[in-house]
Amino acid sequence: MARILTVPPERARGLRRLAVWLARRRYGGVVPGIMQVLLADPALTARTFWLYGYLHDRKGSPLTPLQREMVATVVNGTIGGAP
C-alpha cells in the first residue's frame, strides 16, 4: 500500500482549517479524500484549485459539459475509482 501524506480534518490548523470548513460546507459535511491529500501541501492545493476553477467553474470555460464528464470518466478509470 502506498504511503501518502494526508492531513486529517481534525488536525488542520490555520488556513488549512478554513479549507476544511469550506470543503465540509460544499460537500455536505464530509471532507473528500483528495482534499485531505492536497492539504498536506498548500502550494499544490492552491495550484490545483486554480486549475479546477479555470477548467470547470468560470463562465468561459474551455471545456463543454460533455468534455468535463469525459475527463471525469477517464480519471476515475485511471485511478481505479468506483464505477
PDB file of N, CA and C in Angstrom:
ATOM      1  N   MET A   1       0.836  -1.165   0.000  1.00  0.00           N
ATOM      2  CA  MET A   1       0.000   0.000   0.000  1.00  0.00           C
ATOM      3  C   MET A   1       0.892   1.244   0.000  1.00  0.00           C
ATOM      4  N   ALA A   2       0.505   2.220  -0.774  1.00  0.00           N
ATOM      5  CA  ALA A   2       1.273   3.463  -0.869  1.00  0.00           C
ATOM      6  C   ALA A   2       1.095   4.290   0.395  1.00  0.00           C
ATOM      7  N   ARG A   3       2.152   4.953   0.786  1.00  0.00           N
ATOM      8  CA  ARG A   3       2.101   5.847   1.948  1.00  0.00           C
ATOM      9  C   ARG A   3       1.972   7.272   1.429  1.00  0.00           C
ATOM     10  N   ILE A   4       0.787   7.815   1.498  1.00  0.00           N
ATOM     11  CA  ILE A   4       0.521   9.159   1.018  1.00  0.00           C
ATOM     12  C   ILE A   4       0.248  10.052   2.224  1.00  0.00           C
ATOM     13  N   LEU A   5       0.982  11.143   2.319  1.00  0.00           N
ATOM     14  CA  LEU A   5       0.803  12.077   3.419  1.00  0.00           C
ATOM     15  C   LEU A   5      -0.560  12.739   3.302  1.00  0.00           C
ATOM     16  N   THR A   6      -1.326  12.698   4.383  1.00  0.00           N
ATOM     17  CA  THR A   6      -2.632  13.355   4.433  1.00  0.00           C
ATOM     18  C   THR A   6      -2.720  14.191   5.692  1.00  0.00           C
ATOM     19  N   VAL A   7      -3.663  15.112   5.690  1.00  0.00           N
ATOM     20  CA  VAL A   7      -3.952  15.923   6.873  1.00  0.00           C
ATOM     21  C   VAL A   7      -5.392  15.619   7.272  1.00  0.00           C
ATOM     22  N   PRO A   8      -5.583  14.878   8.365  1.00  0.00           N
ATOM     23  CA  PRO A   8      -6.950  14.607   8.820  1.00  0.00           C
ATOM     24  C   PRO A   8      -7.653  15.923   9.175  1.00  0.00           C
ATOM     25  N   PRO A   9      -8.934  16.041   8.882  1.00  0.00           N
ATOM     26  CA  PRO A   9      -9.652  17.298   9.127  1.00  0.00           C
ATOM     27  C   PRO A   9      -9.539  17.800  10.565  1.00  0.00           C
ATOM     28  N   GLU A  10      -9.527  16.895  11.532  1.00  0.00           N
ATOM     29  CA  GLU A  10      -9.476  17.331  12.930  1.00  0.00           C
ATOM     30  C   GLU A  10      -8.100  17.870  13.330  1.00  0.00           C
ATOM     31  N   ARG A  11      -7.055  17.638  12.529  1.00  0.00           N
ATOM     32  CA  ARG A  11      -5.708  18.140  12.824  1.00  0.00           C
ATOM     33  C   ARG A  11      -5.354  19.385  12.013  1.00  0.00           C
ATOM     34  N   ALA A  12      -6.259  19.855  11.189  1.00  0.00           N
ATOM     35  CA  ALA A  12      -5.996  21.032  10.357  1.00  0.00           C
ATOM     36  C   ALA A  12      -5.968  22.294  11.219  1.00  0.00           C
ATOM     37  N   ARG A  13      -5.012  23.175  10.942  1.00  0.00           N
ATOM     38  CA  ARG A  13      -4.859  24.439  11.657  1.00  0.00           C
ATOM     39  C   ARG A  13      -4.669  25.574  10.652  1.00  0.00           C
ATOM     40  N   GLY A  14      -5.000  26.788  11.066  1.00  0.00           N
ATOM     41  CA  GLY A  14      -4.782  27.966  10.234  1.00  0.00           C
ATOM     42  C   GLY A  14      -5.614  27.962   8.963  1.00  0.00           C
ATOM     43  N   LEU A  15      -4.959  28.240   7.838  1.00  0.00           N
ATOM     44  CA  LEU A  15      -5.661  28.276   6.546  1.00  0.00           C
ATOM     45  C   LEU A  15      -6.193  26.901   6.152  1.00  0.00           C
ATOM     46  N   ARG A  16      -5.508  25.871   6.589  1.00  0.00           N
ATOM     47  CA  ARG A  16      -5.994  24.515   6.301  1.00  0.00           C
ATOM     48  C   ARG A  16      -7.347  24.282   6.960  1.00  0.00           C
ATOM     49  N   ARG A  17      -7.503  24.817   8.163  1.00  0.00           N
ATOM     50  CA  ARG A  17      -8.775  24.661   8.866  1.00  0.00           C
ATOM     51  C   ARG A  17      -9.902  25.361   8.095  1.00  0.00           C
ATOM     52  N   LEU A  18      -9.602  26.518   7.537  1.00  0.00           N
ATOM     53  CA  LEU A  18     -10.580  27.229   6.710  1.00  0.00           C
ATOM     54  C   LEU A  18     -10.929  26.396   5.480  1.00  0.00           C
ATOM     55  N   ALA A  19      -9.934  25.795   4.855  1.00  0.00           N
ATOM     56  CA  ALA A  19     -10.178  24.950   3.680  1.00  0.00           C
ATOM     57  C   ALA A  19     -11.049  23.753   4.040  1.00  0.00           C
ATOM     58  N   VAL A  20     -10.826  23.167   5.213  1.00  0.00           N
ATOM     59  CA  VAL A  20     -11.653  22.040   5.667  1.00  0.00           C
ATOM     60  C   VAL A  20     -13.086  22.503   5.874  1.00  0.00           C
ATOM     61  N   TRP A  21     -13.260  23.672   6.482  1.00  0.00           N
ATOM     62  CA  TRP A  21     -14.602  24.207   6.707  1.00  0.00           C
ATOM     63  C   TRP A  21     -15.335  24.416   5.373  1.00  0.00           C
ATOM     64  N   LEU A  22     -14.619  24.988   4.396  1.00  0.00           N
ATOM     65  CA  LEU A  22     -15.222  25.214   3.080  1.00  0.00           C
ATOM     66  C   LEU A  22     -15.580  23.894   2.395  1.00  0.00           C
ATOM     67  N   ALA A  23     -14.699  22.899   2.517  1.00  0.00           N
ATOM     68  CA  ALA A  23     -14.973  21.597   1.900  1.00  0.00           C
ATOM     69  C   ALA A  23     -16.193  20.943   2.532  1.00  0.00           C
ATOM     70  N   ARG A  24     -16.285  21.000   3.850  1.00  0.00           N
ATOM     71  CA  ARG A  24     -17.453  20.411   4.530  1.00  0.00           C
ATOM     72  C   ARG A  24     -18.731  21.107   4.104  1.00  0.00           C
ATOM     73  N   ARG A  25     -18.649  22.404   3.962  1.00  0.00           N
ATOM     74  CA  ARG A  25     -19.822  23.172   3.541  1.00  0.00           C
ATOM     75  C   ARG A  25     -20.238  22.799   2.119  1.00  0.00           C
ATOM     76  N   ARG A  26     -19.253  22.613   1.257  1.00  0.00           N
ATOM     77  CA  ARG A  26     -19.538  22.323  -0.150  1.00  0.00           C
ATOM     78  C   ARG A  26     -19.999  20.881  -0.372  1.00  0.00           C
ATOM     79  N   TYR A  27     -19.446  19.931   0.413  1.00  0.00           N
ATOM     80  CA  TYR A  27     -19.719  18.519   0.184  1.00  0.00           C
ATOM     81  C   TYR A  27     -20.618  17.889   1.233  1.00  0.00           C
ATOM     82  N   GLY A  28     -21.453  18.673   1.884  1.00  0.00           N
ATOM     83  CA  GLY A  28     -22.457  18.122   2.789  1.00  0.00           C
ATOM     84  C   GLY A  28     -21.907  17.532   4.081  1.00  0.00           C
ATOM     85  N   GLY A  29     -20.887  18.154   4.651  1.00  0.00           N
ATOM     86  CA  GLY A  29     -20.386  17.722   5.946  1.00  0.00           C
ATOM     87  C   GLY A  29     -19.215  16.763   5.917  1.00  0.00           C
ATOM     88  N   VAL A  30     -18.783  16.350   4.748  1.00  0.00           N
ATOM     89  CA  VAL A  30     -17.635  15.443   4.653  1.00  0.00           C
ATOM     90  C   VAL A  30     -16.470  16.147   3.955  1.00  0.00           C
ATOM     91  N   VAL A  31     -15.276  15.657   4.228  1.00  0.00           N
ATOM     92  CA  VAL A  31     -14.082  16.176   3.569  1.00  0.00           C
ATOM     93  C   VAL A  31     -13.568  15.064   2.656  1.00  0.00           C
ATOM     94  N   PRO A  32     -13.628  15.258   1.341  1.00  0.00           N
ATOM     95  CA  PRO A  32     -13.184  14.208   0.416  1.00  0.00           C
ATOM     96  C   PRO A  32     -11.717  13.841   0.640  1.00  0.00           C
ATOM     97  N   GLY A  33     -11.388  12.608   0.322  1.00  0.00           N
ATOM     98  CA  GLY A  33     -10.017  12.128   0.486  1.00  0.00           C
ATOM     99  C   GLY A  33      -9.004  12.954  -0.279  1.00  0.00           C
ATOM    100  N   ILE A  34      -9.348  13.393  -1.487  1.00  0.00           N
ATOM    101  CA  ILE A  34      -8.407  14.173  -2.277  1.00  0.00           C
ATOM    102  C   ILE A  34      -8.089  15.489  -1.569  1.00  0.00           C
ATOM    103  N   MET A  35      -9.063  16.033  -0.866  1.00  0.00           N
ATOM    104  CA  MET A  35      -8.834  17.270  -0.119  1.00  0.00           C
ATOM    105  C   MET A  35      -7.846  17.022   1.014  1.00  0.00           C
ATOM    106  N   GLN A  36      -7.938  15.888   1.670  1.00  0.00           N
ATOM    107  CA  GLN A  36      -7.020  15.565   2.759  1.00  0.00           C
ATOM    108  C   GLN A  36      -5.588  15.400   2.232  1.00  0.00           C
ATOM    109  N   VAL A  37      -5.454  14.876   1.026  1.00  0.00           N
ATOM    110  CA  VAL A  37      -4.136  14.739   0.404  1.00  0.00           C
ATOM    111  C   VAL A  37      -3.595  16.117   0.015  1.00  0.00           C
ATOM    112  N   LEU A  38      -4.434  16.940  -0.584  1.00  0.00           N
ATOM    113  CA  LEU A  38      -3.996  18.260  -1.029  1.00  0.00           C
ATOM    114  C   LEU A  38      -3.631  19.171   0.139  1.00  0.00           C
ATOM    115  N   LEU A  39      -4.260  19.004   1.280  1.00  0.00           N
ATOM    116  CA  LEU A  39      -3.967  19.860   2.429  1.00  0.00           C
ATOM    117  C   LEU A  39      -2.542  19.696   2.937  1.00  0.00           C
ATOM    118  N   ALA A  40      -1.889  18.602   2.607  1.00  0.00           N
ATOM    119  CA  ALA A  40      -0.514  18.376   3.053  1.00  0.00           C
ATOM    120  C   ALA A  40       0.463  19.370   2.408  1.00  0.00           C
ATOM    121  N   ASP A  41       0.123  19.897   1.237  1.00  0.00           N
ATOM    122  CA  ASP A  41       0.996  20.834   0.529  1.00  0.00           C
ATOM    123  C   ASP A  41       0.179  22.043   0.073  1.00  0.00           C
ATOM    124  N   PRO A  42       0.217  23.144   0.828  1.00  0.00           N
ATOM    125  CA  PRO A  42      -0.604  24.315   0.481  1.00  0.00           C
ATOM    126  C   PRO A  42      -0.349  24.876  -0.917  1.00  0.00           C
ATOM    127  N   ALA A  43       0.889  24.841  -1.388  1.00  0.00           N
ATOM    128  CA  ALA A  43       1.177  25.355  -2.734  1.00  0.00           C
ATOM    129  C   ALA A  43       0.491  24.492  -3.791  1.00  0.00           C
ATOM    130  N   LEU A  44       0.528  23.185  -3.614  1.00  0.00           N
ATOM    131  CA  LEU A  44      -0.144  22.271  -4.541  1.00  0.00           C
ATOM    132  C   LEU A  44      -1.654  22.466  -4.482  1.00  0.00           C
ATOM    133  N   THR A  45      -2.171  22.689  -3.282  1.00  0.00           N
ATOM    134  CA  THR A  45      -3.608  22.913  -3.121  1.00  0.00           C
ATOM    135  C   THR A  45      -4.042  24.140  -3.911  1.00  0.00           C
ATOM    136  N   ALA A  46      -3.304  25.229  -3.771  1.00  0.00           N
ATOM    137  CA  ALA A  46      -3.658  26.467  -4.477  1.00  0.00           C
ATOM    138  C   ALA A  46      -3.624  26.272  -5.988  1.00  0.00           C
ATOM    139  N   ARG A  47      -2.592  25.615  -6.485  1.00  0.00           N
ATOM    140  CA  ARG A  47      -2.491  25.391  -7.939  1.00  0.00           C
ATOM    141  C   ARG A  47      -3.600  24.473  -8.441  1.00  0.00           C
ATOM    142  N   THR A  48      -3.920  23.454  -7.679  1.00  0.00           N
ATOM    143  CA  THR A  48      -4.963  22.511  -8.082  1.00  0.00           C
ATOM    144  C   THR A  48      -6.318  23.208  -8.151  1.00  0.00           C
ATOM    145  N   PHE A  49      -6.631  24.017  -7.126  1.00  0.00           N
ATOM    146  CA  PHE A  49      -7.905  24.723  -7.132  1.00  0.00           C
ATOM    147  C   PHE A  49      -7.966  25.756  -8.251  1.00  0.00           C
ATOM    148  N   TRP A  50      -6.828  26.397  -8.549  1.00  0.00           N
ATOM    149  CA  TRP A  50      -6.820  27.347  -9.661  1.00  0.00           C
ATOM    150  C   TRP A  50      -7.119  26.626 -10.975  1.00  0.00           C
ATOM    151  N   LEU A  51      -6.454  25.484 -11.195  1.00  0.00           N
ATOM    152  CA  LEU A  51      -6.672  24.726 -12.422  1.00  0.00           C
ATOM    153  C   LEU A  51      -8.106  24.228 -12.520  1.00  0.00           C
ATOM    154  N   TYR A  52      -8.644  23.717 -11.426  1.00  0.00           N
ATOM    155  CA  TYR A  52     -10.033  23.250 -11.419  1.00  0.00           C
ATOM    156  C   TYR A  52     -10.978  24.403 -11.755  1.00  0.00           C
ATOM    157  N   GLY A  53     -10.761  25.546 -11.110  1.00  0.00           N
ATOM    158  CA  GLY A  53     -11.604  26.699 -11.382  1.00  0.00           C
ATOM    159  C   GLY A  53     -11.494  27.175 -12.823  1.00  0.00           C
ATOM    160  N   TYR A  54     -10.277  27.132 -13.365  1.00  0.00           N
ATOM    161  CA  TYR A  54     -10.065  27.563 -14.751  1.00  0.00           C
ATOM    162  C   TYR A  54     -10.786  26.639 -15.732  1.00  0.00           C
ATOM    163  N   LEU A  55     -10.737  25.353 -15.483  1.00  0.00           N
ATOM    164  CA  LEU A  55     -11.330  24.400 -16.417  1.00  0.00           C
ATOM    165  C   LEU A  55     -12.827  24.191 -16.216  1.00  0.00           C
ATOM    166  N   HIS A  56     -13.307  24.345 -14.978  1.00  0.00           N
ATOM    167  CA  HIS A  56     -14.688  23.950 -14.699  1.00  0.00           C
ATOM    168  C   HIS A  56     -15.616  25.072 -14.262  1.00  0.00           C
ATOM    169  N   ASP A  57     -15.160  25.980 -13.432  1.00  0.00           N
ATOM    170  CA  ASP A  57     -16.079  26.909 -12.781  1.00  0.00           C
ATOM    171  C   ASP A  57     -16.305  28.228 -13.498  1.00  0.00           C
ATOM    172  N   ARG A  58     -15.368  28.672 -14.298  1.00  0.00           N
ATOM    173  CA  ARG A  58     -15.546  30.005 -14.880  1.00  0.00           C
ATOM    174  C   ARG A  58     -16.541  29.971 -16.046  1.00  0.00           C
ATOM    175  N   LYS A  59     -17.105  31.126 -16.316  1.00  0.00           N
ATOM    176  CA  LYS A  59     -18.136  31.230 -17.344  1.00  0.00           C
ATOM    177  C   LYS A  59     -17.603  30.855 -18.727  1.00  0.00           C
ATOM    178  N   GLY A  60     -16.395  31.284 -19.069  1.00  0.00           N
ATOM    179  CA  GLY A  60     -15.817  30.995 -20.376  1.00  0.00           C
ATOM    180  C   GLY A  60     -14.937  29.749 -20.369  1.00  0.00           C
ATOM    181  N   SER A  61     -15.344  28.730 -19.642  1.00  0.00           N
ATOM    182  CA  SER A  61     -14.546  27.507 -19.526  1.00  0.00           C
ATOM    183  C   SER A  61     -14.250  26.920 -20.906  1.00  0.00           C
ATOM    184  N   PRO A  62     -13.006  26.483 -21.124  1.00  0.00           N
ATOM    185  CA  PRO A  62     -12.670  25.910 -22.429  1.00  0.00           C
ATOM    186  C   PRO A  62     -13.283  24.520 -22.647  1.00  0.00           C
ATOM    187  N   LEU A  63     -13.822  23.928 -21.589  1.00  0.00           N
ATOM    188  CA  LEU A  63     -14.418  22.600 -21.722  1.00  0.00           C
ATOM    189  C   LEU A  63     -15.938  22.689 -21.720  1.00  0.00           C
ATOM    190  N   THR A  64     -16.559  21.902 -22.577  1.00  0.00           N
ATOM    191  CA  THR A  64     -18.014  21.796 -22.566  1.00  0.00           C
ATOM    192  C   THR A  64     -18.415  20.851 -21.439  1.00  0.00           C
ATOM    193  N   PRO A  65     -19.681  20.856 -21.037  1.00  0.00           N
ATOM    194  CA  PRO A  65     -20.113  19.915 -20.006  1.00  0.00           C
ATOM    195  C   PRO A  65     -19.833  18.453 -20.387  1.00  0.00           C
ATOM    196  N   LEU A  66     -19.981  18.115 -21.653  1.00  0.00           N
ATOM    197  CA  LEU A  66     -19.692  16.752 -22.104  1.00  0.00           C
ATOM    198  C   LEU A  66     -18.201  16.440 -21.944  1.00  0.00           C
ATOM    199  N   GLN A  67     -17.340  17.380 -22.301  1.00  0.00           N
ATOM    200  CA  GLN A  67     -15.900  17.159 -22.159  1.00  0.00           C
ATOM    201  C   GLN A  67     -15.507  17.012 -20.690  1.00  0.00           C
ATOM    202  N   ARG A  68     -16.131  17.787 -19.809  1.00  0.00           N
ATOM    203  CA  ARG A  68     -15.856  17.653 -18.375  1.00  0.00           C
ATOM    204  C   ARG A  68     -16.222  16.262 -17.886  1.00  0.00           C
ATOM    205  N   GLU A  69     -17.357  15.773 -18.332  1.00  0.00           N
ATOM    206  CA  GLU A  69     -17.795  14.424 -17.938  1.00  0.00           C
ATOM    207  C   GLU A  69     -16.851  13.365 -18.485  1.00  0.00           C
ATOM    208  N   MET A  70     -16.355  13.562 -19.700  1.00  0.00           N
ATOM    209  CA  MET A  70     -15.405  12.613 -20.284  1.00  0.00           C
ATOM    210  C   MET A  70     -14.092  12.597 -19.499  1.00  0.00           C
ATOM    211  N   VAL A  71     -13.607  13.769 -19.105  1.00  0.00           N
ATOM    212  CA  VAL A  71     -12.377  13.847 -18.299  1.00  0.00           C
ATOM    213  C   VAL A  71     -12.593  13.131 -16.972  1.00  0.00           C
ATOM    214  N   ALA A  72     -13.725  13.368 -16.328  1.00  0.00           N
ATOM    215  CA  ALA A  72     -14.016  12.725 -15.044  1.00  0.00           C
ATOM    216  C   ALA A  72     -14.061  11.205 -15.188  1.00  0.00           C
ATOM    217  N   THR A  73     -14.638  10.720 -16.271  1.00  0.00           N
ATOM    218  CA  THR A  73     -14.715   9.274 -16.504  1.00  0.00           C
ATOM    219  C   THR A  73     -13.342   8.667 -16.692  1.00  0.00           C
ATOM    220  N   VAL A  74     -12.498   9.310 -17.468  1.00  0.00           N
ATOM    221  CA  VAL A  74     -11.144   8.789 -17.714  1.00  0.00           C
ATOM    222  C   VAL A  74     -10.321   8.813 -16.434  1.00  0.00           C
ATOM    223  N   VAL A  75     -10.380   9.901 -15.689  1.00  0.00           N
ATOM    224  CA  VAL A  75      -9.613   9.993 -14.444  1.00  0.00           C
ATOM    225  C   VAL A  75     -10.087   8.937 -13.458  1.00  0.00           C
ATOM    226  N   ASN A  76     -11.405   8.785 -13.320  1.00  0.00           N
ATOM    227  CA  ASN A  76     -11.940   7.788 -12.405  1.00  0.00           C
ATOM    228  C   ASN A  76     -11.493   6.392 -12.780  1.00  0.00           C
ATOM    229  N   GLY A  77     -11.471   6.075 -14.059  1.00  0.00           N
ATOM    230  CA  GLY A  77     -10.990   4.760 -14.506  1.00  0.00           C
ATOM    231  C   GLY A  77      -9.505   4.584 -14.297  1.00  0.00           C
ATOM    232  N   THR A  78      -8.735   5.649 -14.499  1.00  0.00           N
ATOM    233  CA  THR A  78      -7.287   5.584 -14.339  1.00  0.00           C
ATOM    234  C   THR A  78      -6.883   5.326 -12.895  1.00  0.00           C
ATOM    235  N   ILE A  79      -7.581   5.954 -11.955  1.00  0.00           N
ATOM    236  CA  ILE A  79      -7.229   5.779 -10.547  1.00  0.00           C
ATOM    237  C   ILE A  79      -7.906   4.582  -9.903  1.00  0.00           C
ATOM    238  N   GLY A  80      -8.714   3.863 -10.682  1.00  0.00           N
ATOM    239  CA  GLY A  80      -9.382   2.681 -10.155  1.00  0.00           C
ATOM    240  C   GLY A  80     -10.544   3.017  -9.262  1.00  0.00           C
ATOM    241  N   GLY A  81     -11.250   4.100  -9.567  1.00  0.00           N
ATOM    242  CA  GLY A  81     -12.403   4.517  -8.765  1.00  0.00           C
ATOM    243  C   GLY A  81     -13.586   3.613  -8.980  1.00  0.00           C
ATOM    244  N   ALA A  82     -14.606   3.832  -8.162  1.00  0.00           N
ATOM    245  CA  ALA A  82     -15.823   3.028  -8.245  1.00  0.00           C
ATOM    246  C   ALA A  82     -16.549   3.321  -9.554  1.00  0.00           C
ATOM    247  N   PRO A  83     -17.198   2.322 -10.122  1.00  0.00           N
ATOM    248  CA  PRO A  83     -17.927   2.529 -11.372  1.00  0.00           C
ATOM    249  C   PRO A  83     -19.163   3.389 -11.194  1.00  0.00           C
TER     250      PRO A  83
END
